[in-house]
Amino acid sequence: MKKSQTYFPLFLGIAVALGIGLGYTMHSGESSDGLLMASNANKRKLNKLIDIIDQRYVDDVNTDSIVDITVNGILSNLDPHSIYITNDEMEDVADQMRGDFVGIGIRFFVNQDTISVLNVLDGGPSKKAGIKGGDKILYADGKPLFGTGAVSTDVLKGEEGSKVTLGVLRPGDNDVQQVSVVRGNVPINSVEAAYMLNENMGYIKVNRFAESTEEEFNDAIDGLIEKGAQRLTVDLRDNPGGVLSAAIAMADEFYHVKN
């Protein structure tokens, strides 16, 4: 991932935080010295709490994870698009922003210690194996992915061509099914759909901003123009963001009025 590329969620979080800070500073009833003292007091309070937990708590605690949880708690009070990406998560995010990666090809979230499949990526290994949205993945190669003895979800990763056997609980079923998935290259397209709405109106659905977005978007436009498109609808609903430079490059296409 190029260092110059900026992620929307982090960018929005910083922007909102700066906006709040500037607005509060301009309040006539507070001096800059008072604000600085309050800010430092809050920082000391947080640092002191972490030190106490680290030094005096009865069990060993990973304070790094506490910091991550604290940061996410702060951002959760801003807006749904402000998130914190940990070092462990950064590799996965970078893979997805490149446009393809090796894995089993699902989007999931963890709900009450259980992996729930949001959707299955078209053309990916899980799609071919019959995994469906709504499935709960309880085991990987016989190892639990839930509860206190759960192994990391990293077991879903692996080399291309390697196999993992998943224990899947489908909605409405009482029995866990064993599904074998061969890990492979998972294409992640930015342009989900591109077609004509009528004889002169084209439609493009962009579901993310990644390294491949500009090329995919331009190819989609060229294809629609060949079909007679004179106007264009760009659907960004449910687009969570991504690489800022890709979004800017896509927006730049609309500044070429003559084209």
C-alpha atoms as a PDB file:
ATOM      1  CA  MET A   1       0.000   0.000   0.000  1.00  0.00           C
ATOM      2  CA  LYS A   2       1.409   3.381  -0.973  1.00  0.00           C
ATOM      3  CA  LYS A   3       2.059   5.701   1.927  1.00  0.00           C
ATOM      4  CA  SER A   4       0.250   8.535   0.169  1.00  0.00           C
ATOM      5  CA  GLN A   5      -3.042   6.666   0.168  1.00  0.00           C
ATOM      6  CA  THR A   6      -5.420   7.669   2.943  1.00  0.00           C
ATOM      7  CA  TYR A   7      -8.373   5.700   4.234  1.00  0.00           C
ATOM      8  CA  PHE A   8     -11.745   7.451   4.378  1.00  0.00           C
ATOM      9  CA  PRO A   9     -12.728   6.173   7.856  1.00  0.00           C
ATOM     10  CA  LEU A  10      -9.496   7.411   9.444  1.00  0.00           C
ATOM     11  CA  PHE A  11      -9.635  10.663   7.472  1.00  0.00           C
ATOM     12  CA  LEU A  12     -13.222  11.329   8.557  1.00  0.00           C
ATOM     13  CA  GLY A  13     -12.360  10.573  12.164  1.00  0.00           C
ATOM     14  CA  ILE A  14      -9.496  13.063  12.109  1.00  0.00           C
ATOM     15  CA  ALA A  15     -11.600  15.680  10.308  1.00  0.00           C
ATOM     16  CA  VAL A  16     -14.446  15.424  12.795  1.00  0.00           C
ATOM     17  CA  ALA A  17     -12.059  15.484  15.736  1.00  0.00           C
ATOM     18  CA  LEU A  18     -10.384  18.637  14.384  1.00  0.00           C
ATOM     19  CA  GLY A  19     -13.775  20.245  13.800  1.00  0.00           C
ATOM     20  CA  ILE A  20     -14.843  19.613  17.367  1.00  0.00           C
ATOM     21  CA  GLY A  21     -11.518  20.883  18.686  1.00  0.00           C
ATOM     22  CA  LEU A  22     -11.619  24.090  16.657  1.00  0.00           C
ATOM     23  CA  GLY A  23     -15.239  24.806  17.518  1.00  0.00           C
ATOM     24  CA  TYR A  24     -14.607  24.341  21.214  1.00  0.00           C
ATOM     25  CA  THR A  25     -11.493  26.542  21.120  1.00  0.00           C
ATOM     26  CA  MET A  26     -13.484  29.416  19.610  1.00  0.00           C
ATOM     27  CA  HIS A  27     -15.954  29.393  22.507  1.00  0.00           C
ATOM     28  CA  SER A  28     -15.645  32.815  24.123  1.00  0.00           C
ATOM     29  CA  GLY A  29     -16.090  31.522  27.647  1.00  0.00           C
ATOM     30  CA  GLU A  30     -12.935  29.421  27.675  1.00  0.00           C
ATOM     31  CA  SER A  31      -9.312  30.483  27.504  1.00  0.00           C
ATOM     32  CA  SER A  32      -6.714  28.560  25.540  1.00  0.00           C
ATOM     33  CA  ASP A  33      -4.798  27.894  28.759  1.00  0.00           C
ATOM     34  CA  GLY A  34      -7.896  26.425  30.365  1.00  0.00           C
ATOM     35  CA  LEU A  35      -8.506  24.163  27.406  1.00  0.00           C
ATOM     36  CA  LEU A  36      -4.909  22.969  27.443  1.00  0.00           C
ATOM     37  CA  MET A  37      -5.096  22.175  31.153  1.00  0.00           C
ATOM     38  CA  ALA A  38      -8.359  20.239  30.680  1.00  0.00           C
ATOM     39  CA  SER A  39      -6.890  18.304  27.767  1.00  0.00           C
ATOM     40  CA  ASN A  40      -3.764  17.393  29.709  1.00  0.00           C
ATOM     41  CA  ALA A  41      -5.853  16.354  32.725  1.00  0.00           C
ATOM     42  CA  ASN A  42      -7.900  13.975  30.576  1.00  0.00           C
ATOM     43  CA  LYS A  43      -4.756  12.469  29.080  1.00  0.00           C
ATOM     44  CA  ARG A  44      -3.237  11.981  32.531  1.00  0.00           C
ATOM     45  CA  LYS A  45      -6.434  10.362  33.757  1.00  0.00           C
ATOM     46  CA  LEU A  46      -6.388   7.827  30.923  1.00  0.00           C
ATOM     47  CA  ASN A  47      -2.679   7.095  31.268  1.00  0.00           C
ATOM     48  CA  LYS A  48      -3.025   6.688  35.041  1.00  0.00           C
ATOM     49  CA  LEU A  49      -5.896   4.231  34.611  1.00  0.00           C
ATOM     50  CA  ILE A  50      -3.891   2.089  32.180  1.00  0.00           C
ATOM     51  CA  ASP A  51      -0.869   2.156  34.525  1.00  0.00           C
ATOM     52  CA  ILE A  52      -2.999   1.021  37.473  1.00  0.00           C
ATOM     53  CA  ILE A  53      -4.480  -1.854  35.477  1.00  0.00           C
ATOM     54  CA  ASP A  54      -1.033  -2.865  34.216  1.00  0.00           C
ATOM     55  CA  GLN A  55       0.599  -2.778  37.665  1.00  0.00           C
ATOM     56  CA  ARG A  56      -2.131  -3.777  40.107  1.00  0.00           C
ATOM     57  CA  TYR A  57      -4.812  -5.836  38.354  1.00  0.00           C
ATOM     58  CA  VAL A  58      -5.018  -9.379  39.687  1.00  0.00           C
ATOM     59  CA  ASP A  59      -4.526 -11.026  36.271  1.00  0.00           C
ATOM     60  CA  ASP A  60      -2.167 -10.285  33.407  1.00  0.00           C
ATOM     61  CA  VAL A  61      -3.782  -7.850  30.978  1.00  0.00           C
ATOM     62  CA  ASN A  62      -2.767  -6.905  27.453  1.00  0.00           C
ATOM     63  CA  THR A  63      -2.789  -3.125  27.821  1.00  0.00           C
ATOM     64  CA  ASP A  64      -2.328  -2.683  24.074  1.00  0.00           C
ATOM     65  CA  SER A  65      -5.743  -4.280  23.512  1.00  0.00           C
ATOM     66  CA  ILE A  66      -7.222  -2.009  26.188  1.00  0.00           C
ATOM     67  CA  VAL A  67      -5.907   1.025  24.319  1.00  0.00           C
ATOM     68  CA  ASP A  68      -7.404  -0.276  21.059  1.00  0.00           C
ATOM     69  CA  ILE A  69     -10.789  -0.769  22.742  1.00  0.00           C
ATOM     70  CA  THR A  70     -10.574   2.700  24.305  1.00  0.00           C
ATOM     71  CA  VAL A  71      -9.822   4.336  20.951  1.00  0.00           C
ATOM     72  CA  ASN A  72     -12.732   2.519  19.313  1.00  0.00           C
ATOM     73  CA  GLY A  73     -14.971   3.632  22.178  1.00  0.00           C
ATOM     74  CA  ILE A  74     -13.990   7.261  21.603  1.00  0.00           C
ATOM     75  CA  LEU A  75     -14.598   7.025  17.848  1.00  0.00           C
ATOM     76  CA  SER A  76     -17.956   5.308  18.365  1.00  0.00           C
ATOM     77  CA  ASN A  77     -19.206   8.618  19.800  1.00  0.00           C
ATOM     78  CA  LEU A  78     -18.412  10.436  16.557  1.00  0.00           C
ATOM     79  CA  ASP A  79     -20.083   8.869  13.516  1.00  0.00           C
ATOM     80  CA  PRO A  80     -20.428   5.350  12.064  1.00  0.00           C
ATOM     81  CA  HIS A  81     -17.678   5.979   9.501  1.00  0.00           C
ATOM     82  CA  SER A  82     -14.919   6.825  12.004  1.00  0.00           C
ATOM     83  CA  ILE A  83     -12.957   3.690  12.852  1.00  0.00           C
ATOM     84  CA  TYR A  84      -9.524   2.751  14.154  1.00  0.00           C
ATOM     85  CA  ILE A  85      -7.485   0.187  12.238  1.00  0.00           C
ATOM     86  CA  THR A  86      -5.061  -1.796  14.396  1.00  0.00           C
ATOM     87  CA  ASN A  87      -1.712  -3.113  13.192  1.00  0.00           C
ATOM     88  CA  ASP A  88      -3.139  -6.635  13.066  1.00  0.00           C
ATOM     89  CA  GLU A  89      -6.035  -5.487  10.872  1.00  0.00           C
ATOM     90  CA  MET A  90      -3.937  -3.296   8.603  1.00  0.00           C
ATOM     91  CA  GLU A  91      -2.622  -6.188   6.486  1.00  0.00           C
ATOM     92  CA  ASP A  92      -6.158  -7.379   5.721  1.00  0.00           C
ATOM     93  CA  VAL A  93      -7.280  -3.856   4.858  1.00  0.00           C
ATOM     94  CA  ALA A  94      -4.290  -3.369   2.570  1.00  0.00           C
ATOM     95  CA  ASP A  95      -5.032  -6.675   0.816  1.00  0.00           C
ATOM     96  CA  GLN A  96      -8.626  -5.660   0.180  1.00  0.00           C
ATOM     97  CA  MET A  97      -7.622  -2.231  -1.119  1.00  0.00           C
ATOM     98  CA  ARG A  98      -5.363  -3.857  -3.721  1.00  0.00           C
ATOM     99  CA  GLY A  99      -8.395  -5.413  -5.392  1.00  0.00           C
ATOM    100  CA  ASP A 100      -7.759  -9.082  -4.689  1.00  0.00           C
ATOM    101  CA  PHE A 101      -6.334 -11.347  -1.996  1.00  0.00           C
ATOM    102  CA  VAL A 102      -5.919 -15.007  -1.093  1.00  0.00           C
ATOM    103  CA  GLY A 103      -8.528 -16.377   1.305  1.00  0.00           C
ATOM    104  CA  ILE A 104     -11.922 -18.063   1.470  1.00  0.00           C
ATOM    105  CA  GLY A 105     -13.846 -15.086   0.091  1.00  0.00           C
ATOM    106  CA  ILE A 106     -16.375 -13.946   2.686  1.00  0.00           C
ATOM    107  CA  ARG A 107     -17.272 -10.736   4.476  1.00  0.00           C
ATOM    108  CA  PHE A 108     -18.148 -11.406   8.099  1.00  0.00           C
ATOM    109  CA  PHE A 109     -18.638  -9.843  11.492  1.00  0.00           C
ATOM    110  CA  VAL A 110     -18.228 -11.317  14.966  1.00  0.00           C
ATOM    111  CA  ASN A 111     -21.446 -11.281  17.004  1.00  0.00           C
ATOM    112  CA  GLN A 112     -21.333 -12.651  20.554  1.00  0.00           C
ATOM    113  CA  ASP A 113     -18.093 -14.544  19.862  1.00  0.00           C
ATOM    114  CA  THR A 114     -19.513 -16.117  16.703  1.00  0.00           C
ATOM    115  CA  ILE A 115     -18.458 -15.477  13.093  1.00  0.00           C
ATOM    116  CA  SER A 116     -21.513 -14.556  11.025  1.00  0.00           C
ATOM    117  CA  VAL A 117     -21.196 -14.356   7.243  1.00  0.00           C
ATOM    118  CA  LEU A 118     -22.438 -11.035   5.864  1.00  0.00           C
ATOM    119  CA  ASN A 119     -22.046 -12.020   2.238  1.00  0.00           C
ATOM    120  CA  VAL A 120     -20.023 -14.267  -0.020  1.00  0.00           C
ATOM    121  CA  LEU A 121     -17.804 -12.659  -2.652  1.00  0.00           C
ATOM    122  CA  ASP A 122     -18.641 -13.557  -6.230  1.00  0.00           C
ATOM    123  CA  GLY A 123     -16.009 -15.699  -7.862  1.00  0.00           C
ATOM    124  CA  GLY A 124     -14.448 -16.630  -4.518  1.00  0.00           C
ATOM    125  CA  PRO A 125     -13.844 -20.076  -2.957  1.00  0.00           C
ATOM    126  CA  SER A 126     -16.721 -19.903  -0.449  1.00  0.00           C
ATOM    127  CA  LYS A 127     -19.207 -19.124  -3.214  1.00  0.00           C
ATOM    128  CA  LYS A 128     -18.093 -22.265  -5.048  1.00  0.00           C
ATOM    129  CA  ALA A 129     -18.294 -24.314  -1.833  1.00  0.00           C
ATOM    130  CA  GLY A 130     -21.888 -23.248  -1.088  1.00  0.00           C
ATOM    131  CA  ILE A 131     -21.349 -20.896   1.864  1.00  0.00           C
ATOM    132  CA  LYS A 132     -24.202 -18.374   2.126  1.00  0.00           C
ATOM    133  CA  GLY A 133     -24.885 -15.062   3.817  1.00  0.00           C
ATOM    134  CA  GLY A 134     -26.285 -15.628   7.306  1.00  0.00           C
ATOM    135  CA  ASP A 135     -24.248 -18.788   7.897  1.00  0.00           C
ATOM    136  CA  LYS A 136     -22.357 -18.995  11.187  1.00  0.00           C
ATOM    137  CA  ILE A 137     -18.847 -20.464  11.024  1.00  0.00           C
ATOM    138  CA  LEU A 138     -18.240 -22.316  14.294  1.00  0.00           C
ATOM    139  CA  TYR A 139     -15.195 -24.462  13.509  1.00  0.00           C
ATOM    140  CA  ALA A 140     -12.157 -24.458  11.239  1.00  0.00           C
ATOM    141  CA  ASP A 141     -10.425 -27.828  10.849  1.00  0.00           C
ATOM    142  CA  GLY A 142     -12.160 -28.968  14.032  1.00  0.00           C
ATOM    143  CA  LYS A 143     -10.948 -26.020  16.116  1.00  0.00           C
ATOM    144  CA  PRO A 144     -13.611 -23.791  17.721  1.00  0.00           C
ATOM    145  CA  LEU A 145     -13.937 -20.220  16.542  1.00  0.00           C
ATOM    146  CA  PHE A 146     -16.224 -19.255  19.434  1.00  0.00           C
ATOM    147  CA  GLY A 147     -16.104 -19.170  23.232  1.00  0.00           C
ATOM    148  CA  THR A 148     -13.133 -18.899  25.567  1.00  0.00           C
ATOM    149  CA  GLY A 149     -11.160 -21.605  23.747  1.00  0.00           C
ATOM    150  CA  ALA A 150     -11.578 -19.964  20.343  1.00  0.00           C
ATOM    151  CA  VAL A 151      -8.644 -19.807  17.961  1.00  0.00           C
ATOM    152  CA  SER A 152      -7.906 -16.716  15.890  1.00  0.00           C
ATOM    153  CA  THR A 153      -9.841 -16.086  12.696  1.00  0.00           C
ATOM    154  CA  ASP A 154      -6.405 -16.109  11.040  1.00  0.00           C
ATOM    155  CA  VAL A 155      -6.966 -19.854  10.571  1.00  0.00           C
ATOM    156  CA  LEU A 156      -9.307 -18.900   7.732  1.00  0.00           C
ATOM    157  CA  LYS A 157      -6.296 -17.537   5.877  1.00  0.00           C
ATOM    158  CA  GLY A 158      -3.671 -19.646   4.166  1.00  0.00           C
ATOM    159  CA  GLU A 159      -1.772 -20.302   0.995  1.00  0.00           C
ATOM    160  CA  GLU A 160      -3.536 -20.481  -2.340  1.00  0.00           C
ATOM    161  CA  GLY A 161      -4.675 -24.044  -3.018  1.00  0.00           C
ATOM    162  CA  SER A 162      -4.720 -25.085   0.650  1.00  0.00           C
ATOM    163  CA  LYS A 163      -7.933 -26.504   2.116  1.00  0.00           C
ATOM    164  CA  VAL A 164      -9.853 -25.713   5.288  1.00  0.00           C
ATOM    165  CA  THR A 165     -12.872 -27.617   6.591  1.00  0.00           C
ATOM    166  CA  LEU A 166     -15.458 -25.329   8.126  1.00  0.00           C
ATOM    167  CA  GLY A 167     -18.148 -26.244  10.631  1.00  0.00           C
ATOM    168  CA  VAL A 168     -21.122 -24.203   9.422  1.00  0.00           C
ATOM    169  CA  LEU A 169     -24.461 -23.657  11.155  1.00  0.00           C
ATOM    170  CA  ARG A 170     -27.118 -22.496   8.723  1.00  0.00           C
ATOM    171  CA  PRO A 171     -30.177 -20.476   9.864  1.00  0.00           C
ATOM    172  CA  GLY A 172     -33.044 -22.832  10.642  1.00  0.00           C
ATOM    173  CA  ASP A 173     -30.766 -25.887  10.969  1.00  0.00           C
ATOM    174  CA  ASN A 174     -29.868 -27.646  14.198  1.00  0.00           C
ATOM    175  CA  ASP A 175     -26.903 -29.608  12.854  1.00  0.00           C
ATOM    176  CA  VAL A 176     -23.475 -28.247  11.970  1.00  0.00           C
ATOM    177  CA  GLN A 177     -22.491 -28.971   8.362  1.00  0.00           C
ATOM    178  CA  GLN A 178     -18.924 -29.712   7.334  1.00  0.00           C
ATOM    179  CA  VAL A 179     -17.935 -27.667   4.299  1.00  0.00           C
ATOM    180  CA  SER A 180     -14.521 -27.939   2.624  1.00  0.00           C
ATOM    181  CA  VAL A 181     -13.197 -24.730   1.085  1.00  0.00           C
ATOM    182  CA  VAL A 182     -10.073 -24.493  -1.049  1.00  0.00           C
ATOM    183  CA  ARG A 183      -8.410 -21.137  -0.444  1.00  0.00           C
ATOM    184  CA  GLY A 184      -7.798 -19.151  -3.584  1.00  0.00           C
ATOM    185  CA  ASN A 185      -7.500 -15.749  -5.168  1.00  0.00           C
ATOM    186  CA  VAL A 186     -10.530 -13.621  -4.310  1.00  0.00           C
ATOM    187  CA  PRO A 187     -11.322 -10.796  -6.735  1.00  0.00           C
ATOM    188  CA  ILE A 188     -12.841  -7.738  -5.089  1.00  0.00           C
ATOM    189  CA  ASN A 189     -14.351  -5.476  -7.710  1.00  0.00           C
ATOM    190  CA  SER A 190     -15.055  -1.825  -6.993  1.00  0.00           C
ATOM    191  CA  VAL A 191     -17.681  -1.591  -9.726  1.00  0.00           C
ATOM    192  CA  GLU A 192     -20.457  -3.965  -8.732  1.00  0.00           C
ATOM    193  CA  ALA A 193     -22.765  -3.215 -11.661  1.00  0.00           C
ATOM    194  CA  ALA A 194     -22.835  -1.164 -14.874  1.00  0.00           C
ATOM    195  CA  TYR A 195     -25.801  -1.170 -17.248  1.00  0.00           C
ATOM    196  CA  MET A 196     -28.263   1.027 -19.147  1.00  0.00           C
ATOM    197  CA  LEU A 197     -31.376   2.219 -17.310  1.00  0.00           C
ATOM    198  CA  ASN A 198     -32.933   3.404 -20.557  1.00  0.00           C
ATOM    199  CA  GLU A 199     -31.788   4.346 -24.046  1.00  0.00           C
ATOM    200  CA  ASN A 200     -29.581   7.247 -22.872  1.00  0.00           C
ATOM    201  CA  MET A 201     -29.126   6.824 -19.089  1.00  0.00           C
ATOM    202  CA  GLY A 202     -26.289   4.684 -17.744  1.00  0.00           C
ATOM    203  CA  TYR A 203     -25.976   3.312 -14.203  1.00  0.00           C
ATOM    204  CA  ILE A 204     -22.812   2.411 -12.285  1.00  0.00           C
ATOM    205  CA  LYS A 205     -22.726   0.971  -8.739  1.00  0.00           C
ATOM    206  CA  VAL A 206     -19.415   1.590  -6.954  1.00  0.00           C
ATOM    207  CA  ASN A 207     -19.205  -0.385  -3.694  1.00  0.00           C
ATOM    208  CA  ARG A 208     -15.716   0.662  -2.513  1.00  0.00           C
ATOM    209  CA  PHE A 209     -12.703   2.814  -3.354  1.00  0.00           C
ATOM    210  CA  ALA A 210      -9.597   0.723  -3.951  1.00  0.00           C
ATOM    211  CA  GLU A 211      -6.480   0.789  -6.112  1.00  0.00           C
ATOM    212  CA  SER A 212      -8.410  -0.673  -9.047  1.00  0.00           C
ATOM    213  CA  THR A 213     -11.423   1.675  -8.776  1.00  0.00           C
ATOM    214  CA  GLU A 214     -10.318   4.299 -11.314  1.00  0.00           C
ATOM    215  CA  GLU A 215      -9.575   1.727 -14.020  1.00  0.00           C
ATOM    216  CA  GLU A 216     -12.798  -0.200 -13.369  1.00  0.00           C
ATOM    217  CA  PHE A 217     -14.864   2.991 -13.359  1.00  0.00           C
ATOM    218  CA  ASN A 218     -13.363   4.255 -16.624  1.00  0.00           C
ATOM    219  CA  ASP A 219     -13.924   0.878 -18.281  1.00  0.00           C
ATOM    220  CA  ALA A 220     -17.545   0.932 -17.128  1.00  0.00           C
ATOM    221  CA  ILE A 221     -18.074   4.451 -18.510  1.00  0.00           C
ATOM    222  CA  ASP A 222     -16.513   3.512 -21.863  1.00  0.00           C
ATOM    223  CA  GLY A 223     -18.793   0.489 -22.095  1.00  0.00           C
ATOM    224  CA  LEU A 224     -21.909   2.553 -21.361  1.00  0.00           C
ATOM    225  CA  ILE A 225     -20.951   5.266 -23.852  1.00  0.00           C
ATOM    226  CA  GLU A 226     -20.631   2.598 -26.530  1.00  0.00           C
ATOM    227  CA  LYS A 227     -24.215   1.598 -25.692  1.00  0.00           C
ATOM    228  CA  GLY A 228     -25.431   5.167 -26.150  1.00  0.00           C
ATOM    229  CA  ALA A 229     -25.237   6.620 -22.643  1.00  0.00           C
ATOM    230  CA  GLN A 230     -25.471  10.419 -22.536  1.00  0.00           C
ATOM    231  CA  ARG A 231     -26.267  10.728 -18.845  1.00  0.00           C
ATOM    232  CA  LEU A 232     -24.992   8.762 -15.871  1.00  0.00           C
ATOM    233  CA  THR A 233     -26.212   7.724 -12.430  1.00  0.00           C
ATOM    234  CA  VAL A 234     -23.442   6.770  -9.981  1.00  0.00           C
ATOM    235  CA  ASP A 235     -24.710   4.761  -7.007  1.00  0.00           C
ATOM    236  CA  LEU A 236     -22.545   5.097  -3.878  1.00  0.00           C
ATOM    237  CA  ARG A 237     -25.041   3.675  -1.389  1.00  0.00           C
ATOM    238  CA  ASP A 238     -23.452   1.411   1.241  1.00  0.00           C
ATOM    239  CA  ASN A 239     -19.976   2.363   0.000  1.00  0.00           C
ATOM    240  CA  PRO A 240     -17.862   2.381   3.194  1.00  0.00           C
ATOM    241  CA  GLY A 241     -15.006   4.406   1.668  1.00  0.00           C
ATOM    242  CA  GLY A 242     -11.455   3.251   1.086  1.00  0.00           C
ATOM    243  CA  VAL A 243      -8.507   4.837  -0.706  1.00  0.00           C
ATOM    244  CA  LEU A 244      -8.959   8.605  -0.851  1.00  0.00           C
ATOM    245  CA  SER A 245      -6.852   9.071  -3.990  1.00  0.00           C
ATOM    246  CA  ALA A 246      -9.073   6.580  -5.853  1.00  0.00           C
ATOM    247  CA  ALA A 247     -12.202   8.561  -4.966  1.00  0.00           C
ATOM    248  CA  ILE A 248     -10.560  11.808  -6.068  1.00  0.00           C
ATOM    249  CA  ALA A 249      -9.465  10.263  -9.369  1.00  0.00           C
ATOM    250  CA  MET A 250     -13.024   9.052  -9.992  1.00  0.00           C
ATOM    251  CA  ALA A 251     -14.495  12.469  -9.172  1.00  0.00           C
ATOM    252  CA  ASP A 252     -11.988  14.134 -11.514  1.00  0.00           C
ATOM    253  CA  GLU A 253     -13.650  12.380 -14.450  1.00  0.00           C
ATOM    254  CA  PHE A 254     -16.644  14.706 -14.035  1.00  0.00           C
ATOM    255  CA  TYR A 255     -14.529  17.861 -14.366  1.00  0.00           C
ATOM    256  CA  HIS A 256     -13.798  17.116 -18.015  1.00  0.00           C
ATOM    257  CA  VAL A 257     -16.964  18.818 -19.217  1.00  0.00           C
ATOM    258  CA  LYS A 258     -16.158  18.453 -22.918  1.00  0.00           C
ATOM    259  CA  ASN A 259     -15.913  14.675 -22.480  1.00  0.00           C
END
